[in-house]
Full PDB file with SEQRES, HELIX, SHEET, SSBOND, CRYST1, ORIGX, SCALE, CONECT and MASTER records, all heavy atoms in Angstrom:
SEQRES   1 A   41  GLY GLU ALA PHE LEU HIS GLY GLU MET ALA ARG PHE MET          
SEQRES   2 A   41  ALA GLU CYS CYS ARG CYS GLY MET SER VAL GLY TYR ALA          
SEQRES   3 A   41  THR ILE VAL LEU GLU GLU LYS LEU GLU LYS THR ARG ASN          
SEQRES   4 A   41  LEU ALA                                                      
HELIX    1 AA1 GLY A    7  ARG A   18  1                                  12    
HELIX    2 AA2 GLU A   32  ARG A   38  1                                   7    
CRYST1    1.000    1.000    1.000  90.00  90.00  90.00 P 1           1          
ORIGX1      1.000000  0.000000  0.000000        0.00000                         
ORIGX2      0.000000  1.000000  0.000000        0.00000                         
ORIGX3      0.000000  0.000000  1.000000        0.00000                         
SCALE1      1.000000  0.000000  0.000000        0.00000                         
SCALE2      0.000000  1.000000  0.000000        0.00000                         
SCALE3      0.000000  0.000000  1.000000        0.00000                         
ATOM      1  N   GLY A   1      90.055 -11.082-253.778  1.00  0.00           N  
ATOM      2  CA  GLY A   1      91.427 -11.420-254.343  1.00  0.00           C  
ATOM      3  C   GLY A   1      92.584 -10.910-253.448  1.00  0.00           C  
ATOM      4  O   GLY A   1      93.756 -11.104-253.812  1.00  0.00           O  
ATOM      5  N   GLU A   2      92.305 -10.279-252.309  1.00  0.00           N  
ATOM      6  CA  GLU A   2      93.352  -9.792-251.417  1.00  0.00           C  
ATOM      7  C   GLU A   2      93.338 -10.519-250.075  1.00  0.00           C  
ATOM      8  O   GLU A   2      92.283 -10.868-249.573  1.00  0.00           O  
ATOM      9  CB  GLU A   2      93.234  -8.297-251.207  1.00  0.00           C  
ATOM     10  CG  GLU A   2      93.534  -7.448-252.377  1.00  0.00           C  
ATOM     11  CD  GLU A   2      93.786  -6.008-252.002  1.00  0.00           C  
ATOM     12  OE1 GLU A   2      92.748  -5.296-251.903  1.00  0.00           O  
ATOM     13  OE2 GLU A   2      94.966  -5.602-251.828  1.00  0.00           O  
ATOM     14  N   ALA A   3      94.507 -10.796-249.542  1.00  0.00           N  
ATOM     15  CA  ALA A   3      94.664 -11.493-248.293  1.00  0.00           C  
ATOM     16  C   ALA A   3      94.621 -10.540-247.120  1.00  0.00           C  
ATOM     17  O   ALA A   3      95.262  -9.472-247.115  1.00  0.00           O  
ATOM     18  CB  ALA A   3      96.016 -12.296-248.253  1.00  0.00           C  
ATOM     19  N   PHE A   4      93.742 -10.871-246.110  1.00  0.00           N  
ATOM     20  CA  PHE A   4      93.584 -10.101-244.935  1.00  0.00           C  
ATOM     21  C   PHE A   4      93.938 -10.912-243.677  1.00  0.00           C  
ATOM     22  O   PHE A   4      93.686 -12.135-243.647  1.00  0.00           O  
ATOM     23  CB  PHE A   4      92.235  -9.540-244.788  1.00  0.00           C  
ATOM     24  CG  PHE A   4      91.863  -8.445-245.732  1.00  0.00           C  
ATOM     25  CD1 PHE A   4      91.500  -8.784-247.085  1.00  0.00           C  
ATOM     26  CD2 PHE A   4      91.910  -7.102-245.394  1.00  0.00           C  
ATOM     27  CE1 PHE A   4      91.244  -7.754-247.980  1.00  0.00           C  
ATOM     28  CE2 PHE A   4      91.598  -6.120-246.241  1.00  0.00           C  
ATOM     29  CZ  PHE A   4      91.309  -6.449-247.618  1.00  0.00           C  
ATOM     30  N   LEU A   5      94.504 -10.300-242.620  1.00  0.00           N  
ATOM     31  CA  LEU A   5      94.818 -10.980-241.366  1.00  0.00           C  
ATOM     32  C   LEU A   5      94.659 -10.009-240.263  1.00  0.00           C  
ATOM     33  O   LEU A   5      94.361  -8.832-240.429  1.00  0.00           O  
ATOM     34  CB  LEU A   5      96.173 -11.609-241.392  1.00  0.00           C  
ATOM     35  CG  LEU A   5      97.397 -10.650-241.414  1.00  0.00           C  
ATOM     36  CD1 LEU A   5      98.678 -11.455-241.074  1.00  0.00           C  
ATOM     37  CD2 LEU A   5      97.595  -9.910-242.706  1.00  0.00           C  
ATOM     38  N   HIS A   6      94.917 -10.467-239.022  1.00  0.00           N  
ATOM     39  CA  HIS A   6      94.823  -9.631-237.831  1.00  0.00           C  
ATOM     40  C   HIS A   6      95.849  -8.523-237.934  1.00  0.00           C  
ATOM     41  O   HIS A   6      97.035  -8.762-238.266  1.00  0.00           O  
ATOM     42  CB  HIS A   6      95.032 -10.459-236.563  1.00  0.00           C  
ATOM     43  CG  HIS A   6      94.647  -9.724-235.328  1.00  0.00           C  
ATOM     44  ND1 HIS A   6      95.375  -8.747-234.780  1.00  0.00           N  
ATOM     45  CD2 HIS A   6      93.603  -9.906-234.512  1.00  0.00           C  
ATOM     46  CE1 HIS A   6      94.818  -8.300-233.681  1.00  0.00           C  
ATOM     47  NE2 HIS A   6      93.715  -8.984-233.488  1.00  0.00           N  
ATOM     48  N   GLY A   7      95.428  -7.323-237.571  1.00  0.00           N  
ATOM     49  CA  GLY A   7      96.321  -6.174-237.695  1.00  0.00           C  
ATOM     50  C   GLY A   7      97.606  -6.275-236.884  1.00  0.00           C  
ATOM     51  O   GLY A   7      98.662  -5.837-237.370  1.00  0.00           O  
ATOM     52  N   GLU A   8      97.591  -6.881-235.696  1.00  0.00           N  
ATOM     53  CA  GLU A   8      98.814  -7.033-234.954  1.00  0.00           C  
ATOM     54  C   GLU A   8      99.816  -7.958-235.627  1.00  0.00           C  
ATOM     55  O   GLU A   8     101.033  -7.683-235.619  1.00  0.00           O  
ATOM     56  CB  GLU A   8      98.502  -7.478-233.518  1.00  0.00           C  
ATOM     57  CG  GLU A   8      97.861  -6.469-232.622  1.00  0.00           C  
ATOM     58  CD  GLU A   8      98.655  -5.113-232.489  1.00  0.00           C  
ATOM     59  OE1 GLU A   8      99.903  -5.211-232.531  1.00  0.00           O  
ATOM     60  OE2 GLU A   8      97.994  -4.081-232.321  1.00  0.00           O  
ATOM     61  N   MET A   9      99.257  -9.031-236.174  1.00  0.00           N  
ATOM     62  CA  MET A   9     100.150  -9.932-236.927  1.00  0.00           C  
ATOM     63  C   MET A   9     100.701  -9.292-238.136  1.00  0.00           C  
ATOM     64  O   MET A   9     101.887  -9.508-238.511  1.00  0.00           O  
ATOM     65  CB  MET A   9      99.349 -11.204-237.294  1.00  0.00           C  
ATOM     66  CG  MET A   9     100.185 -12.395-237.672  1.00  0.00           C  
ATOM     67  SD  MET A   9     101.222 -12.944-236.232  1.00  0.00           S  
ATOM     68  CE  MET A   9     102.325 -14.063-237.021  1.00  0.00           C  
ATOM     69  N   ALA A  10      99.904  -8.524-238.822  1.00  0.00           N  
ATOM     70  CA  ALA A  10     100.409  -7.792-239.997  1.00  0.00           C  
ATOM     71  C   ALA A  10     101.551  -6.849-239.683  1.00  0.00           C  
ATOM     72  O   ALA A  10     102.570  -6.783-240.330  1.00  0.00           O  
ATOM     73  CB  ALA A  10      99.235  -7.044-240.635  1.00  0.00           C  
ATOM     74  N   ARG A  11     101.377  -6.072-238.517  1.00  0.00           N  
ATOM     75  CA  ARG A  11     102.434  -5.195-238.153  1.00  0.00           C  
ATOM     76  C   ARG A  11     103.679  -5.878-237.762  1.00  0.00           C  
ATOM     77  O   ARG A  11     104.792  -5.445-238.029  1.00  0.00           O  
ATOM     78  CB  ARG A  11     101.941  -4.309-236.973  1.00  0.00           C  
ATOM     79  CG  ARG A  11     101.082  -3.081-237.416  1.00  0.00           C  
ATOM     80  CD  ARG A  11     100.759  -2.164-236.227  1.00  0.00           C  
ATOM     81  NE  ARG A  11      99.738  -2.714-235.382  1.00  0.00           N  
ATOM     82  CZ  ARG A  11      98.454  -2.430-235.564  1.00  0.00           C  
ATOM     83  NH1 ARG A  11      98.059  -1.587-236.456  1.00  0.00           N  
ATOM     84  NH2 ARG A  11      97.526  -2.930-234.728  1.00  0.00           N  
ATOM     85  N   PHE A  12     103.506  -7.002-237.052  1.00  0.00           N  
ATOM     86  CA  PHE A  12     104.710  -7.782-236.580  1.00  0.00           C  
ATOM     87  C   PHE A  12     105.528  -8.252-237.789  1.00  0.00           C  
ATOM     88  O   PHE A  12     106.763  -8.100-237.839  1.00  0.00           O  
ATOM     89  CB  PHE A  12     104.239  -8.967-235.730  1.00  0.00           C  
ATOM     90  CG  PHE A  12     105.238 -10.034-235.511  1.00  0.00           C  
ATOM     91  CD1 PHE A  12     106.426  -9.764-234.886  1.00  0.00           C  
ATOM     92  CD2 PHE A  12     105.063 -11.358-235.992  1.00  0.00           C  
ATOM     93  CE1 PHE A  12     107.369 -10.746-234.610  1.00  0.00           C  
ATOM     94  CE2 PHE A  12     105.971 -12.307-235.753  1.00  0.00           C  
ATOM     95  CZ  PHE A  12     107.120 -12.013-235.099  1.00  0.00           C  
ATOM     96  N   MET A  13     104.836  -8.848-238.830  1.00  0.00           N  
ATOM     97  CA  MET A  13     105.565  -9.353-239.964  1.00  0.00           C  
ATOM     98  C   MET A  13     106.175  -8.229-240.827  1.00  0.00           C  
ATOM     99  O   MET A  13     107.219  -8.345-241.384  1.00  0.00           O  
ATOM    100  CB  MET A  13     104.633 -10.264-240.803  1.00  0.00           C  
ATOM    101  CG  MET A  13     104.333 -11.542-240.066  1.00  0.00           C  
ATOM    102  SD  MET A  13     103.651 -12.839-241.126  1.00  0.00           S  
ATOM    103  CE  MET A  13     102.101 -12.126-241.519  1.00  0.00           C  
ATOM    104  N   ALA A  14     105.446  -7.069-240.899  1.00  0.00           N  
ATOM    105  CA  ALA A  14     105.978  -5.922-241.666  1.00  0.00           C  
ATOM    106  C   ALA A  14     107.315  -5.467-240.990  1.00  0.00           C  
ATOM    107  O   ALA A  14     108.283  -5.133-241.661  1.00  0.00           O  
ATOM    108  CB  ALA A  14     104.995  -4.845-241.667  1.00  0.00           C  
ATOM    109  N   GLU A  15     107.323  -5.431-239.635  1.00  0.00           N  
ATOM    110  CA  GLU A  15     108.489  -5.039-238.949  1.00  0.00           C  
ATOM    111  C   GLU A  15     109.652  -6.037-239.116  1.00  0.00           C  
ATOM    112  O   GLU A  15     110.857  -5.697-239.242  1.00  0.00           O  
ATOM    113  CB  GLU A  15     108.302  -4.823-237.444  1.00  0.00           C  
ATOM    114  CG  GLU A  15     109.446  -4.212-236.693  1.00  0.00           C  
ATOM    115  CD  GLU A  15     109.234  -3.948-235.234  1.00  0.00           C  
ATOM    116  OE1 GLU A  15     108.066  -4.057-234.786  1.00  0.00           O  
ATOM    117  OE2 GLU A  15     110.225  -3.670-234.563  1.00  0.00           O  
ATOM    118  N   CYS A  16     109.314  -7.383-239.105  1.00  0.00           N  
ATOM    119  CA  CYS A  16     110.281  -8.427-239.418  1.00  0.00           C  
ATOM    120  C   CYS A  16     110.980  -8.149-240.783  1.00  0.00           C  
ATOM    121  O   CYS A  16     112.188  -8.306-240.915  1.00  0.00           O  
ATOM    122  CB  CYS A  16     109.593  -9.783-239.374  1.00  0.00           C  
ATOM    123  SG  CYS A  16     109.213 -10.384-237.686  1.00  0.00           S  
ATOM    124  N   CYS A  17     110.173  -7.818-241.767  1.00  0.00           N  
ATOM    125  CA  CYS A  17     110.693  -7.527-243.094  1.00  0.00           C  
ATOM    126  C   CYS A  17     111.572  -6.315-243.077  1.00  0.00           C  
ATOM    127  O   CYS A  17     112.682  -6.344-243.684  1.00  0.00           O  
ATOM    128  CB  CYS A  17     109.514  -7.291-244.106  1.00  0.00           C  
ATOM    129  SG  CYS A  17     108.539  -8.798-244.467  1.00  0.00           S  
ATOM    130  N   ARG A  18     111.216  -5.269-242.348  1.00  0.00           N  
ATOM    131  CA  ARG A  18     112.050  -4.068-242.260  1.00  0.00           C  
ATOM    132  C   ARG A  18     113.382  -4.412-241.558  1.00  0.00           C  
ATOM    133  O   ARG A  18     114.389  -3.726-241.827  1.00  0.00           O  
ATOM    134  CB  ARG A  18     111.296  -2.981-241.477  1.00  0.00           C  
ATOM    135  CG  ARG A  18     110.165  -2.367-242.252  1.00  0.00           C  
ATOM    136  CD  ARG A  18     109.712  -1.050-241.661  1.00  0.00           C  
ATOM    137  NE  ARG A  18     109.150  -1.196-240.350  1.00  0.00           N  
ATOM    138  CZ  ARG A  18     107.860  -1.511-240.075  1.00  0.00           C  
ATOM    139  NH1 ARG A  18     107.004  -1.664-241.042  1.00  0.00           N  
ATOM    140  NH2 ARG A  18     107.488  -1.630-238.859  1.00  0.00           N  
ATOM    141  N   CYS A  19     113.386  -5.394-240.662  1.00  0.00           N  
ATOM    142  CA  CYS A  19     114.619  -5.741-239.989  1.00  0.00           C  
ATOM    143  C   CYS A  19     115.579  -6.539-240.914  1.00  0.00           C  
ATOM    144  O   CYS A  19     116.788  -6.728-240.594  1.00  0.00           O  
ATOM    145  CB  CYS A  19     114.328  -6.661-238.820  1.00  0.00           C  
ATOM    146  SG  CYS A  19     113.611  -5.798-237.348  1.00  0.00           S  
ATOM    147  N   GLY A  20     115.054  -6.936-242.118  1.00  0.00           N  
ATOM    148  CA  GLY A  20     115.926  -7.642-243.049  1.00  0.00           C  
ATOM    149  C   GLY A  20     115.677  -9.094-243.225  1.00  0.00           C  
ATOM    150  O   GLY A  20     116.369  -9.805-243.952  1.00  0.00           O  
ATOM    151  N   MET A  21     114.606  -9.573-242.504  1.00  0.00           N  
ATOM    152  CA  MET A  21     114.274 -11.021-242.691  1.00  0.00           C  
ATOM    153  C   MET A  21     113.458 -11.184-243.953  1.00  0.00           C  
ATOM    154  O   MET A  21     112.705 -10.315-244.373  1.00  0.00           O  
ATOM    155  CB  MET A  21     113.399 -11.492-241.523  1.00  0.00           C  
ATOM    156  CG  MET A  21     114.026 -11.319-240.124  1.00  0.00           C  
ATOM    157  SD  MET A  21     112.864 -11.892-238.872  1.00  0.00           S  
ATOM    158  CE  MET A  21     113.226 -10.751-237.519  1.00  0.00           C  
ATOM    159  N   SER A  22     113.668 -12.380-244.590  1.00  0.00           N  
ATOM    160  CA  SER A  22     112.821 -12.846-245.670  1.00  0.00           C  
ATOM    161  C   SER A  22     111.706 -13.699-245.069  1.00  0.00           C  
ATOM    162  O   SER A  22     112.019 -14.795-244.601  1.00  0.00           O  
ATOM    163  CB  SER A  22     113.652 -13.629-246.714  1.00  0.00           C  
ATOM    164  OG  SER A  22     112.794 -14.071-247.742  1.00  0.00           O  
ATOM    165  N   VAL A  23     110.445 -13.252-245.041  1.00  0.00           N  
ATOM    166  CA  VAL A  23     109.429 -13.802-244.226  1.00  0.00           C  
ATOM    167  C   VAL A  23     108.347 -14.560-244.988  1.00  0.00           C  
ATOM    168  O   VAL A  23     107.885 -14.089-246.091  1.00  0.00           O  
ATOM    169  CB  VAL A  23     108.681 -12.713-243.420  1.00  0.00           C  
ATOM    170  CG1 VAL A  23     107.560 -13.289-242.557  1.00  0.00           C  
ATOM    171  CG2 VAL A  23     109.667 -11.974-242.490  1.00  0.00           C  
ATOM    172  N   GLY A  24     108.042 -15.770-244.521  1.00  0.00           N  
ATOM    173  CA  GLY A  24     106.990 -16.527-244.965  1.00  0.00           C  
ATOM    174  C   GLY A  24     105.959 -16.739-243.853  1.00  0.00           C  
ATOM    175  O   GLY A  24     106.339 -16.656-242.690  1.00  0.00           O  
ATOM    176  N   TYR A  25     104.671 -16.928-244.179  1.00  0.00           N  
ATOM    177  CA  TYR A  25     103.654 -17.043-243.155  1.00  0.00           C  
ATOM    178  C   TYR A  25     102.838 -18.283-243.485  1.00  0.00           C  
ATOM    179  O   TYR A  25     102.134 -18.353-244.478  1.00  0.00           O  
ATOM    180  CB  TYR A  25     102.760 -15.795-243.265  1.00  0.00           C  
ATOM    181  CG  TYR A  25     101.630 -15.718-242.222  1.00  0.00           C  
ATOM    182  CD1 TYR A  25     101.831 -16.127-240.883  1.00  0.00           C  
ATOM    183  CD2 TYR A  25     100.427 -15.195-242.578  1.00  0.00           C  
ATOM    184  CE1 TYR A  25     100.764 -16.029-239.995  1.00  0.00           C  
ATOM    185  CE2 TYR A  25      99.369 -15.099-241.635  1.00  0.00           C  
ATOM    186  CZ  TYR A  25      99.606 -15.547-240.402  1.00  0.00           C  
ATOM    187  OH  TYR A  25      98.561 -15.402-239.443  1.00  0.00           O  
ATOM    188  N   ALA A  26     102.932 -19.298-242.581  1.00  0.00           N  
ATOM    189  CA  ALA A  26     102.193 -20.556-242.725  1.00  0.00           C  
ATOM    190  C   ALA A  26     100.941 -20.473-241.807  1.00  0.00           C  
ATOM    191  O   ALA A  26     101.113 -20.394-240.576  1.00  0.00           O  
ATOM    192  CB  ALA A  26     103.056 -21.739-242.405  1.00  0.00           C  
ATOM    193  N   THR A  27      99.787 -20.552-242.387  1.00  0.00           N  
ATOM    194  CA  THR A  27      98.581 -20.371-241.597  1.00  0.00           C  
ATOM    195  C   THR A  27      97.369 -21.007-242.263  1.00  0.00           C  
ATOM    196  O   THR A  27      97.497 -21.471-243.458  1.00  0.00           O  
ATOM    197  CB  THR A  27      98.286 -18.887-241.320  1.00  0.00           C  
ATOM    198  OG1 THR A  27      97.266 -18.767-240.305  1.00  0.00           O  
ATOM    199  CG2 THR A  27      97.860 -18.146-242.560  1.00  0.00           C  
ATOM    200  N   ILE A  28      96.241 -21.048-241.609  1.00  0.00           N  
ATOM    201  CA  ILE A  28      94.976 -21.552-242.139  1.00  0.00           C  
ATOM    202  C   ILE A  28      94.357 -20.430-242.975  1.00  0.00           C  
ATOM    203  O   ILE A  28      94.255 -19.258-242.501  1.00  0.00           O  
ATOM    204  CB  ILE A  28      94.054 -21.969-241.020  1.00  0.00           C  
ATOM    205  CG1 ILE A  28      94.662 -23.115-240.162  1.00  0.00           C  
ATOM    206  CG2 ILE A  28      92.688 -22.433-241.659  1.00  0.00           C  
ATOM    207  CD1 ILE A  28      94.848 -24.406-240.942  1.00  0.00           C  
ATOM    208  N   VAL A  29      93.873 -20.808-244.133  1.00  0.00           N  
ATOM    209  CA  VAL A  29      93.156 -19.838-244.989  1.00  0.00           C  
ATOM    210  C   VAL A  29      91.648 -20.144-244.843  1.00  0.00           C  
ATOM    211  O   VAL A  29      91.210 -21.241-245.159  1.00  0.00           O  
ATOM    212  CB  VAL A  29      93.538 -19.955-246.474  1.00  0.00           C  
ATOM    213  CG1 VAL A  29      92.757 -18.988-247.264  1.00  0.00           C  
ATOM    214  CG2 VAL A  29      95.032 -19.646-246.608  1.00  0.00           C  
ATOM    215  N   LEU A  30      90.889 -19.204-244.377  1.00  0.00           N  
ATOM    216  CA  LEU A  30      89.468 -19.361-244.153  1.00  0.00           C  
ATOM    217  C   LEU A  30      88.632 -18.695-245.141  1.00  0.00           C  
ATOM    218  O   LEU A  30      89.019 -17.598-245.704  1.00  0.00           O  
ATOM    219  CB  LEU A  30      89.057 -18.764-242.750  1.00  0.00           C  
ATOM    220  CG  LEU A  30      89.563 -19.481-241.567  1.00  0.00           C  
ATOM    221  CD1 LEU A  30      89.030 -18.721-240.286  1.00  0.00           C  
ATOM    222  CD2 LEU A  30      89.098 -20.866-241.415  1.00  0.00           C  
ATOM    223  N   GLU A  31      87.495 -19.265-245.527  1.00  0.00           N  
ATOM    224  CA  GLU A  31      86.520 -18.557-246.330  1.00  0.00           C  
ATOM    225  C   GLU A  31      85.938 -17.394-245.450  1.00  0.00           C  
ATOM    226  O   GLU A  31      85.890 -17.458-244.305  1.00  0.00           O  
ATOM    227  CB  GLU A  31      85.371 -19.501-246.761  1.00  0.00           C  
ATOM    228  CG  GLU A  31      85.856 -20.619-247.667  1.00  0.00           C  
ATOM    229  CD  GLU A  31      84.664 -21.589-247.959  1.00  0.00           C  
ATOM    230  OE1 GLU A  31      83.503 -21.251-247.646  1.00  0.00           O  
ATOM    231  OE2 GLU A  31      85.002 -22.673-248.455  1.00  0.00           O  
ATOM    232  N   GLU A  32      85.416 -16.361-246.144  1.00  0.00           N  
ATOM    233  CA  GLU A  32      85.007 -15.177-245.420  1.00  0.00           C  
ATOM    234  C   GLU A  32      83.878 -15.492-244.461  1.00  0.00           C  
ATOM    235  O   GLU A  32      83.792 -14.976-243.358  1.00  0.00           O  
ATOM    236  CB  GLU A  32      84.525 -14.103-246.359  1.00  0.00           C  
ATOM    237  CG  GLU A  32      84.267 -12.747-245.721  1.00  0.00           C  
ATOM    238  CD  GLU A  32      84.111 -11.616-246.709  1.00  0.00           C  
ATOM    239  OE1 GLU A  32      84.121 -11.910-247.937  1.00  0.00           O  
ATOM    240  OE2 GLU A  32      83.876 -10.487-246.233  1.00  0.00           O  
ATOM    241  N   LYS A  33      82.966 -16.445-244.856  1.00  0.00           N  
ATOM    242  CA  LYS A  33      81.849 -16.749-243.963  1.00  0.00           C  
ATOM    243  C   LYS A  33      82.322 -17.445-242.690  1.00  0.00           C  
ATOM    244  O   LYS A  33      81.720 -17.308-241.595  1.00  0.00           O  
ATOM    245  CB  LYS A  33      80.821 -17.706-244.667  1.00  0.00           C  
ATOM    246  CG  LYS A  33      81.349 -19.062-245.117  1.00  0.00           C  
ATOM    247  CD  LYS A  33      80.287 -19.871-245.801  1.00  0.00           C  
ATOM    248  CE  LYS A  33      80.785 -21.173-246.215  1.00  0.00           C  
ATOM    249  NZ  LYS A  33      79.731 -21.982-246.937  1.00  0.00           N  
ATOM    250  N   LEU A  34      83.427 -18.205-242.792  1.00  0.00           N  
ATOM    251  CA  LEU A  34      83.993 -18.832-241.561  1.00  0.00           C  
ATOM    252  C   LEU A  34      84.794 -17.807-240.696  1.00  0.00           C  
ATOM    253  O   LEU A  34      84.730 -17.884-239.494  1.00  0.00           O  
ATOM    254  CB  LEU A  34      84.923 -19.973-241.981  1.00  0.00           C  
ATOM    255  CG  LEU A  34      84.285 -21.287-242.258  1.00  0.00           C  
ATOM    256  CD1 LEU A  34      85.356 -22.297-242.780  1.00  0.00           C  
ATOM    257  CD2 LEU A  34      83.508 -21.855-241.152  1.00  0.00           C  
ATOM    258  N   GLU A  35      85.405 -16.886-241.352  1.00  0.00           N  
ATOM    259  CA  GLU A  35      86.204 -15.894-240.662  1.00  0.00           C  
ATOM    260  C   GLU A  35      85.290 -15.099-239.656  1.00  0.00           C  
ATOM    261  O   GLU A  35      85.696 -14.712-238.598  1.00  0.00           O  
ATOM    262  CB  GLU A  35      86.803 -14.899-241.678  1.00  0.00           C  
ATOM    263  CG  GLU A  35      87.713 -13.874-241.010  1.00  0.00           C  
ATOM    264  CD  GLU A  35      87.129 -12.500-241.176  1.00  0.00           C  
ATOM    265  OE1 GLU A  35      86.460 -12.163-242.084  1.00  0.00           O  
ATOM    266  OE2 GLU A  35      87.373 -11.676-240.234  1.00  0.00           O  
ATOM    267  N   LYS A  36      84.011 -14.875-240.058  1.00  0.00           N  
ATOM    268  CA  LYS A  36      83.080 -14.152-239.189  1.00  0.00           C  
ATOM    269  C   LYS A  36      82.811 -14.857-237.847  1.00  0.00           C  
ATOM    270  O   LYS A  36      82.422 -14.242-236.902  1.00  0.00           O  
ATOM    271  CB  LYS A  36      81.794 -13.915-239.917  1.00  0.00           C  
ATOM    272  CG  LYS A  36      81.926 -12.913-241.117  1.00  0.00           C  
ATOM    273  CD  LYS A  36      80.624 -12.779-241.840  1.00  0.00           C  
ATOM    274  CE  LYS A  36      80.869 -11.824-243.029  1.00  0.00           C  
ATOM    275  NZ  LYS A  36      79.625 -11.671-243.866  1.00  0.00           N  
ATOM    276  N   THR A  37      83.052 -16.179-237.765  1.00  0.00           N  
ATOM    277  CA  THR A  37      82.808 -16.865-236.553  1.00  0.00           C  
ATOM    278  C   THR A  37      84.144 -17.287-235.890  1.00  0.00           C  
ATOM    279  O   THR A  37      84.048 -17.857-234.777  1.00  0.00           O  
ATOM    280  CB  THR A  37      81.982 -18.138-236.829  1.00  0.00           C  
ATOM    281  OG1 THR A  37      82.697 -19.049-237.644  1.00  0.00           O  
ATOM    282  CG2 THR A  37      80.673 -17.814-237.476  1.00  0.00           C  
ATOM    283  N   ARG A  38      85.246 -17.003-236.473  1.00  0.00           N  
ATOM    284  CA  ARG A  38      86.531 -17.542-235.914  1.00  0.00           C  
ATOM    285  C   ARG A  38      87.588 -16.535-235.648  1.00  0.00           C  
ATOM    286  O   ARG A  38      88.442 -16.659-234.774  1.00  0.00           O  
ATOM    287  CB  ARG A  38      87.144 -18.613-236.851  1.00  0.00           C  
ATOM    288  CG  ARG A  38      86.280 -19.887-236.922  1.00  0.00           C  
ATOM    289  CD  ARG A  38      87.064 -20.979-237.621  1.00  0.00           C  
ATOM    290  NE  ARG A  38      86.314 -22.170-237.817  1.00  0.00           N  
ATOM    291  CZ  ARG A  38      86.821 -23.323-238.173  1.00  0.00           C  
ATOM    292  NH1 ARG A  38      88.139 -23.390-238.390  1.00  0.00           N  
ATOM    293  NH2 ARG A  38      86.039 -24.371-238.372  1.00  0.00           N  
ATOM    294  N   ASN A  39      87.710 -15.515-236.510  1.00  0.00           N  
ATOM    295  CA  ASN A  39      88.919 -14.734-236.566  1.00  0.00           C  
ATOM    296  C   ASN A  39      88.695 -13.311-236.993  1.00  0.00           C  
ATOM    297  O   ASN A  39      87.789 -13.031-237.803  1.00  0.00           O  
ATOM    298  CB  ASN A  39      89.867 -15.409-237.546  1.00  0.00           C  
ATOM    299  CG  ASN A  39      91.253 -14.772-237.580  1.00  0.00           C  
ATOM    300  OD1 ASN A  39      91.906 -14.724-236.585  1.00  0.00           O  
ATOM    301  ND2 ASN A  39      91.590 -14.277-238.725  1.00  0.00           N  
ATOM    302  N   LEU A  40      89.463 -12.364-236.467  1.00  0.00           N  
ATOM    303  CA  LEU A  40      89.503 -11.000-236.877  1.00  0.00           C  
ATOM    304  C   LEU A  40      90.514 -10.798-237.947  1.00  0.00           C  
ATOM    305  O   LEU A  40      91.769 -10.971-237.737  1.00  0.00           O  
ATOM    306  CB  LEU A  40      89.757 -10.069-235.672  1.00  0.00           C  
ATOM    307  CG  LEU A  40      89.893  -8.586-236.004  1.00  0.00           C  
ATOM    308  CD1 LEU A  40      88.579  -8.058-236.656  1.00  0.00           C  
ATOM    309  CD2 LEU A  40      90.208  -7.866-234.778  1.00  0.00           C  
ATOM    310  N   ALA A  41      90.120 -10.505-239.196  1.00  0.00           N  
ATOM    311  CA  ALA A  41      91.065 -10.177-240.260  1.00  0.00           C  
ATOM    312  C   ALA A  41      90.817  -8.787-240.803  1.00  0.00           C  
ATOM    313  O   ALA A  41      89.912  -8.548-241.604  1.00  0.00           O  
ATOM    314  CB  ALA A  41      90.895 -11.226-241.396  1.00  0.00           C  
TER     315      ALA A  41                                                      
MASTER        0    0    0    2    0    0    0    6  314    1    0    4          
END                                                                             
């Protein structure tokens, strides 16, 4: 039930929020079994 993503992307967007931006993130949502072959979350 919780969203996970790459740590560097998470830090980048967290800093954008601290700068005062209202941030949205448009991306592909993968099932966990696919994430193991494609992406580090």
